[in-house]
Amino acid sequence: MKEIVKDLDRWRRQGKAAAVARVVDVDGSGPRDPGAAMAVSEDGQVVGSVSGGCVEGAVVEEALQVIESGDRRMVTFGYSDDEAFAVGLTCGGTIHLYIEPFDW
């Protein structure tokens, strides 16, 4: 989380909405440990990482939907998921993310 705070503050000063995605659990082998975080601004800027790049694009789409709806959500990507495999999560594990609007 510390690595994304400066950018979140900059977006706040610019009046931009944002969402934060955090790894909350990993089953098996995962690219990042629980606690890894990524922030997405309403205009698609991204800081941080929840997967080392393998599912970031899908997480950005989820985060943009969270910004638009204001609803929090849990999202899971696993090796057996067609979507996760398509976006590159081939490490053999499953990652669970919690995505929420960032409340200034």
N, C-alpha and C. Protein backbone atom coordinates (compact mmCIF):
# COMPACT_ATOMS: atom_id res chain seq x y z
N MET A 1 0.83 -1.20 0.00
CA MET A 1 0.00 0.00 0.00
C MET A 1 0.87 1.25 0.00
N LYS A 2 2.00 1.20 0.70
CA LYS A 2 2.86 2.38 0.79
C LYS A 2 3.32 2.86 -0.58
N GLU A 3 3.51 1.93 -1.50
CA GLU A 3 4.03 2.30 -2.82
C GLU A 3 3.02 3.07 -3.67
N ILE A 4 1.74 3.04 -3.30
CA ILE A 4 0.73 3.72 -4.11
C ILE A 4 0.17 4.98 -3.46
N VAL A 5 0.56 5.27 -2.22
CA VAL A 5 -0.01 6.40 -1.48
C VAL A 5 0.24 7.74 -2.17
N LYS A 6 1.45 7.97 -2.66
CA LYS A 6 1.75 9.26 -3.31
C LYS A 6 0.85 9.49 -4.52
N ASP A 7 0.64 8.44 -5.31
CA ASP A 7 -0.21 8.60 -6.49
C ASP A 7 -1.67 8.80 -6.09
N LEU A 8 -2.13 8.07 -5.07
CA LEU A 8 -3.50 8.29 -4.59
C LEU A 8 -3.69 9.72 -4.12
N ASP A 9 -2.70 10.26 -3.42
CA ASP A 9 -2.80 11.64 -2.96
C ASP A 9 -2.81 12.62 -4.14
N ARG A 10 -2.00 12.36 -5.14
CA ARG A 10 -1.98 13.22 -6.33
C ARG A 10 -3.34 13.19 -7.02
N TRP A 11 -3.92 11.99 -7.18
CA TRP A 11 -5.23 11.89 -7.81
C TRP A 11 -6.28 12.62 -6.97
N ARG A 12 -6.19 12.53 -5.64
CA ARG A 12 -7.13 13.23 -4.77
C ARG A 12 -7.06 14.73 -5.02
N ARG A 13 -5.82 15.27 -5.10
CA ARG A 13 -5.65 16.70 -5.33
C ARG A 13 -6.17 17.10 -6.71
N GLN A 14 -6.15 16.18 -7.66
CA GLN A 14 -6.66 16.45 -9.01
C GLN A 14 -8.16 16.21 -9.12
N GLY A 15 -8.79 15.75 -8.04
CA GLY A 15 -10.23 15.51 -8.04
C GLY A 15 -10.66 14.24 -8.73
N LYS A 16 -9.76 13.28 -8.87
CA LYS A 16 -10.07 12.02 -9.57
C LYS A 16 -10.54 10.95 -8.58
N ALA A 17 -11.53 10.21 -9.00
CA ALA A 17 -11.96 9.03 -8.24
C ALA A 17 -10.97 7.91 -8.51
N ALA A 18 -10.90 6.96 -7.57
CA ALA A 18 -9.98 5.84 -7.72
C ALA A 18 -10.53 4.62 -7.00
N ALA A 19 -9.97 3.47 -7.36
CA ALA A 19 -10.28 2.21 -6.67
C ALA A 19 -8.96 1.55 -6.32
N VAL A 20 -8.99 0.76 -5.23
CA VAL A 20 -7.82 0.03 -4.80
C VAL A 20 -8.16 -1.45 -4.80
N ALA A 21 -7.27 -2.24 -5.40
CA ALA A 21 -7.39 -3.71 -5.39
C ALA A 21 -6.28 -4.25 -4.52
N ARG A 22 -6.63 -5.19 -3.62
CA ARG A 22 -5.64 -5.79 -2.73
C ARG A 22 -5.72 -7.31 -2.82
N VAL A 23 -4.58 -7.96 -2.81
CA VAL A 23 -4.55 -9.41 -2.71
C VAL A 23 -4.90 -9.73 -1.26
N VAL A 24 -5.97 -10.53 -1.06
CA VAL A 24 -6.38 -10.88 0.30
C VAL A 24 -6.09 -12.35 0.62
N ASP A 25 -5.88 -13.17 -0.40
CA ASP A 25 -5.56 -14.57 -0.18
C ASP A 25 -4.99 -15.17 -1.45
N VAL A 26 -4.17 -16.19 -1.28
CA VAL A 26 -3.59 -16.92 -2.40
C VAL A 26 -3.71 -18.40 -2.09
N ASP A 27 -4.24 -19.16 -3.03
CA ASP A 27 -4.28 -20.62 -2.91
C ASP A 27 -3.23 -21.19 -3.85
N GLY A 28 -2.33 -22.00 -3.33
CA GLY A 28 -1.27 -22.55 -4.15
C GLY A 28 -0.23 -21.50 -4.45
N SER A 29 0.34 -21.57 -5.63
CA SER A 29 1.38 -20.64 -6.06
C SER A 29 0.74 -19.38 -6.63
N GLY A 30 1.17 -18.23 -6.14
CA GLY A 30 0.63 -16.97 -6.64
C GLY A 30 1.75 -16.01 -6.95
N PRO A 31 1.50 -15.08 -7.85
CA PRO A 31 2.55 -14.13 -8.24
C PRO A 31 2.88 -13.09 -7.17
N ARG A 32 1.93 -12.72 -6.32
CA ARG A 32 2.15 -11.72 -5.26
C ARG A 32 1.49 -12.21 -3.99
N ASP A 33 2.06 -11.85 -2.86
CA ASP A 33 1.54 -12.26 -1.56
C ASP A 33 0.37 -11.39 -1.12
N PRO A 34 -0.44 -11.89 -0.18
CA PRO A 34 -1.50 -11.05 0.38
C PRO A 34 -0.92 -9.73 0.89
N GLY A 35 -1.68 -8.68 0.64
CA GLY A 35 -1.23 -7.33 1.01
C GLY A 35 -0.77 -6.53 -0.20
N ALA A 36 -0.40 -7.21 -1.28
CA ALA A 36 -0.01 -6.49 -2.50
C ALA A 36 -1.20 -5.65 -2.97
N ALA A 37 -0.93 -4.44 -3.43
CA ALA A 37 -2.02 -3.53 -3.79
C ALA A 37 -1.76 -2.83 -5.12
N MET A 38 -2.86 -2.47 -5.76
CA MET A 38 -2.82 -1.74 -7.02
C MET A 38 -3.95 -0.71 -6.97
N ALA A 39 -3.70 0.49 -7.47
CA ALA A 39 -4.74 1.52 -7.53
C ALA A 39 -4.98 1.89 -8.99
N VAL A 40 -6.22 2.22 -9.27
CA VAL A 40 -6.62 2.60 -10.63
C VAL A 40 -7.43 3.89 -10.52
N SER A 41 -7.06 4.89 -11.32
CA SER A 41 -7.83 6.14 -11.32
C SER A 41 -8.97 6.03 -12.32
N GLU A 42 -9.91 6.95 -12.21
CA GLU A 42 -11.08 6.92 -13.10
C GLU A 42 -10.71 7.05 -14.58
N ASP A 43 -9.53 7.62 -14.86
CA ASP A 43 -9.11 7.73 -16.26
C ASP A 43 -8.13 6.63 -16.67
N GLY A 44 -8.05 5.57 -15.86
CA GLY A 44 -7.28 4.38 -16.24
C GLY A 44 -5.82 4.38 -15.88
N GLN A 45 -5.35 5.36 -15.12
CA GLN A 45 -3.96 5.32 -14.66
C GLN A 45 -3.83 4.23 -13.61
N VAL A 46 -2.69 3.54 -13.61
CA VAL A 46 -2.48 2.40 -12.72
C VAL A 46 -1.16 2.55 -11.99
N VAL A 47 -1.17 2.24 -10.68
CA VAL A 47 0.05 2.17 -9.89
C VAL A 47 -0.02 0.92 -9.03
N GLY A 48 1.14 0.35 -8.74
CA GLY A 48 1.21 -0.86 -7.95
C GLY A 48 0.95 -2.09 -8.80
N SER A 49 0.89 -3.23 -8.13
CA SER A 49 0.69 -4.51 -8.83
C SER A 49 0.10 -5.53 -7.89
N VAL A 50 -0.83 -6.33 -8.41
CA VAL A 50 -1.39 -7.43 -7.63
C VAL A 50 -1.00 -8.78 -8.18
N SER A 51 -0.37 -8.78 -9.36
CA SER A 51 -0.05 -10.07 -9.97
C SER A 51 1.25 -10.08 -10.76
N GLY A 52 2.04 -9.05 -10.64
CA GLY A 52 3.27 -9.02 -11.42
C GLY A 52 3.00 -8.87 -12.91
N GLY A 53 1.79 -8.47 -13.27
CA GLY A 53 1.46 -8.21 -14.67
C GLY A 53 0.52 -9.20 -15.31
N CYS A 54 0.35 -10.40 -14.73
CA CYS A 54 -0.39 -11.43 -15.46
C CYS A 54 -1.91 -11.23 -15.50
N VAL A 55 -2.52 -10.58 -14.53
CA VAL A 55 -3.96 -10.32 -14.60
C VAL A 55 -4.29 -8.84 -14.44
N GLU A 56 -3.28 -7.99 -14.49
CA GLU A 56 -3.49 -6.57 -14.25
C GLU A 56 -4.56 -5.96 -15.17
N GLY A 57 -4.58 -6.32 -16.42
CA GLY A 57 -5.57 -5.76 -17.35
C GLY A 57 -7.00 -6.07 -16.92
N ALA A 58 -7.23 -7.30 -16.50
CA ALA A 58 -8.57 -7.69 -16.03
C ALA A 58 -8.92 -6.97 -14.73
N VAL A 59 -7.93 -6.76 -13.87
CA VAL A 59 -8.16 -6.06 -12.61
C VAL A 59 -8.49 -4.60 -12.87
N VAL A 60 -7.85 -3.98 -13.84
CA VAL A 60 -8.16 -2.59 -14.20
C VAL A 60 -9.63 -2.49 -14.61
N GLU A 61 -10.09 -3.42 -15.43
CA GLU A 61 -11.50 -3.40 -15.87
C GLU A 61 -12.44 -3.52 -14.67
N GLU A 62 -12.12 -4.44 -13.76
CA GLU A 62 -12.94 -4.59 -12.54
C GLU A 62 -12.92 -3.31 -11.72
N ALA A 63 -11.74 -2.71 -11.56
CA ALA A 63 -11.61 -1.49 -10.76
C ALA A 63 -12.40 -0.33 -11.37
N LEU A 64 -12.38 -0.20 -12.67
CA LEU A 64 -13.15 0.86 -13.33
C LEU A 64 -14.64 0.66 -13.10
N GLN A 65 -15.10 -0.59 -13.10
CA GLN A 65 -16.51 -0.86 -12.80
C GLN A 65 -16.84 -0.51 -11.36
N VAL A 66 -15.91 -0.77 -10.44
CA VAL A 66 -16.11 -0.42 -9.04
C VAL A 66 -16.21 1.09 -8.88
N ILE A 67 -15.35 1.83 -9.57
CA ILE A 67 -15.41 3.30 -9.51
C ILE A 67 -16.78 3.78 -10.00
N GLU A 68 -17.24 3.20 -11.10
CA GLU A 68 -18.51 3.63 -11.68
C GLU A 68 -19.70 3.28 -10.79
N SER A 69 -19.70 2.07 -10.23
CA SER A 69 -20.85 1.62 -9.45
C SER A 69 -20.78 2.02 -7.97
N GLY A 70 -19.56 2.19 -7.45
CA GLY A 70 -19.39 2.45 -6.03
C GLY A 70 -19.47 1.21 -5.17
N ASP A 71 -19.66 0.04 -5.80
CA ASP A 71 -19.80 -1.22 -5.07
C ASP A 71 -18.45 -1.91 -4.90
N ARG A 72 -18.24 -2.46 -3.72
CA ARG A 72 -17.04 -3.26 -3.46
C ARG A 72 -17.27 -4.66 -4.00
N ARG A 73 -16.16 -5.38 -4.27
CA ARG A 73 -16.33 -6.75 -4.74
C ARG A 73 -15.09 -7.58 -4.48
N MET A 74 -15.33 -8.88 -4.37
CA MET A 74 -14.25 -9.87 -4.33
C MET A 74 -14.14 -10.44 -5.74
N VAL A 75 -12.91 -10.61 -6.19
CA VAL A 75 -12.66 -11.17 -7.51
C VAL A 75 -11.61 -12.26 -7.35
N THR A 76 -11.79 -13.36 -8.05
CA THR A 76 -10.86 -14.47 -7.97
C THR A 76 -10.36 -14.83 -9.36
N PHE A 77 -9.06 -15.02 -9.46
CA PHE A 77 -8.45 -15.50 -10.70
C PHE A 77 -7.65 -16.75 -10.35
N GLY A 78 -7.90 -17.82 -11.11
CA GLY A 78 -7.17 -19.06 -10.86
C GLY A 78 -6.74 -19.71 -12.15
N TYR A 79 -5.83 -20.63 -12.02
CA TYR A 79 -5.28 -21.31 -13.19
C TYR A 79 -6.36 -21.98 -14.03
N SER A 80 -7.40 -22.49 -13.36
CA SER A 80 -8.44 -23.20 -14.10
C SER A 80 -9.47 -22.26 -14.72
N ASP A 81 -9.44 -20.99 -14.34
CA ASP A 81 -10.39 -20.02 -14.91
C ASP A 81 -9.97 -19.69 -16.33
N ASP A 82 -10.91 -19.82 -17.27
CA ASP A 82 -10.60 -19.49 -18.66
C ASP A 82 -10.10 -18.06 -18.79
N GLU A 83 -10.75 -17.13 -18.08
CA GLU A 83 -10.34 -15.73 -18.16
C GLU A 83 -8.94 -15.52 -17.61
N ALA A 84 -8.66 -16.15 -16.47
CA ALA A 84 -7.33 -15.99 -15.88
C ALA A 84 -6.26 -16.58 -16.79
N PHE A 85 -6.53 -17.74 -17.37
CA PHE A 85 -5.55 -18.34 -18.27
C PHE A 85 -5.35 -17.44 -19.49
N ALA A 86 -6.45 -16.88 -20.00
CA ALA A 86 -6.37 -16.02 -21.18
C ALA A 86 -5.54 -14.77 -20.90
N VAL A 87 -5.61 -14.25 -19.67
CA VAL A 87 -4.85 -13.04 -19.37
C VAL A 87 -3.48 -13.35 -18.80
N GLY A 88 -3.15 -14.66 -18.65
CA GLY A 88 -1.78 -15.01 -18.32
C GLY A 88 -1.50 -15.53 -16.93
N LEU A 89 -2.50 -15.86 -16.11
CA LEU A 89 -2.23 -16.39 -14.78
C LEU A 89 -1.95 -17.89 -14.90
N THR A 90 -0.72 -18.21 -15.18
CA THR A 90 -0.34 -19.60 -15.44
C THR A 90 0.55 -20.16 -14.33
N CYS A 91 0.58 -19.50 -13.17
CA CYS A 91 1.44 -19.94 -12.07
C CYS A 91 0.89 -21.16 -11.36
N GLY A 92 -0.34 -21.56 -11.65
CA GLY A 92 -0.91 -22.75 -11.06
C GLY A 92 -1.73 -22.49 -9.82
N GLY A 93 -1.75 -21.27 -9.31
CA GLY A 93 -2.51 -20.96 -8.09
C GLY A 93 -3.74 -20.14 -8.38
N THR A 94 -4.33 -19.67 -7.30
CA THR A 94 -5.52 -18.83 -7.37
C THR A 94 -5.28 -17.61 -6.49
N ILE A 95 -5.61 -16.43 -7.00
CA ILE A 95 -5.49 -15.22 -6.19
C ILE A 95 -6.89 -14.63 -5.97
N HIS A 96 -7.09 -14.15 -4.75
CA HIS A 96 -8.36 -13.54 -4.37
C HIS A 96 -8.09 -12.07 -4.09
N LEU A 97 -8.85 -11.21 -4.75
CA LEU A 97 -8.66 -9.76 -4.63
C LEU A 97 -9.91 -9.11 -4.07
N TYR A 98 -9.70 -8.10 -3.25
CA TYR A 98 -10.78 -7.26 -2.76
C TYR A 98 -10.60 -5.90 -3.43
N ILE A 99 -11.63 -5.44 -4.15
CA ILE A 99 -11.54 -4.17 -4.87
C ILE A 99 -12.61 -3.25 -4.31
N GLU A 100 -12.17 -2.03 -3.94
CA GLU A 100 -13.11 -1.07 -3.37
C GLU A 100 -12.80 0.33 -3.86
N PRO A 101 -13.82 1.20 -3.89
CA PRO A 101 -13.55 2.60 -4.21
C PRO A 101 -12.64 3.16 -3.12
N PHE A 102 -11.71 4.01 -3.49
CA PHE A 102 -10.84 4.61 -2.50
C PHE A 102 -11.54 5.81 -1.90
N ASP A 103 -11.72 5.79 -0.59
CA ASP A 103 -12.41 6.86 0.12
C ASP A 103 -11.37 7.86 0.64
N TRP A 104 -11.38 9.05 0.07
CA TRP A 104 -10.38 10.06 0.46
C TRP A 104 -10.56 10.41 1.91
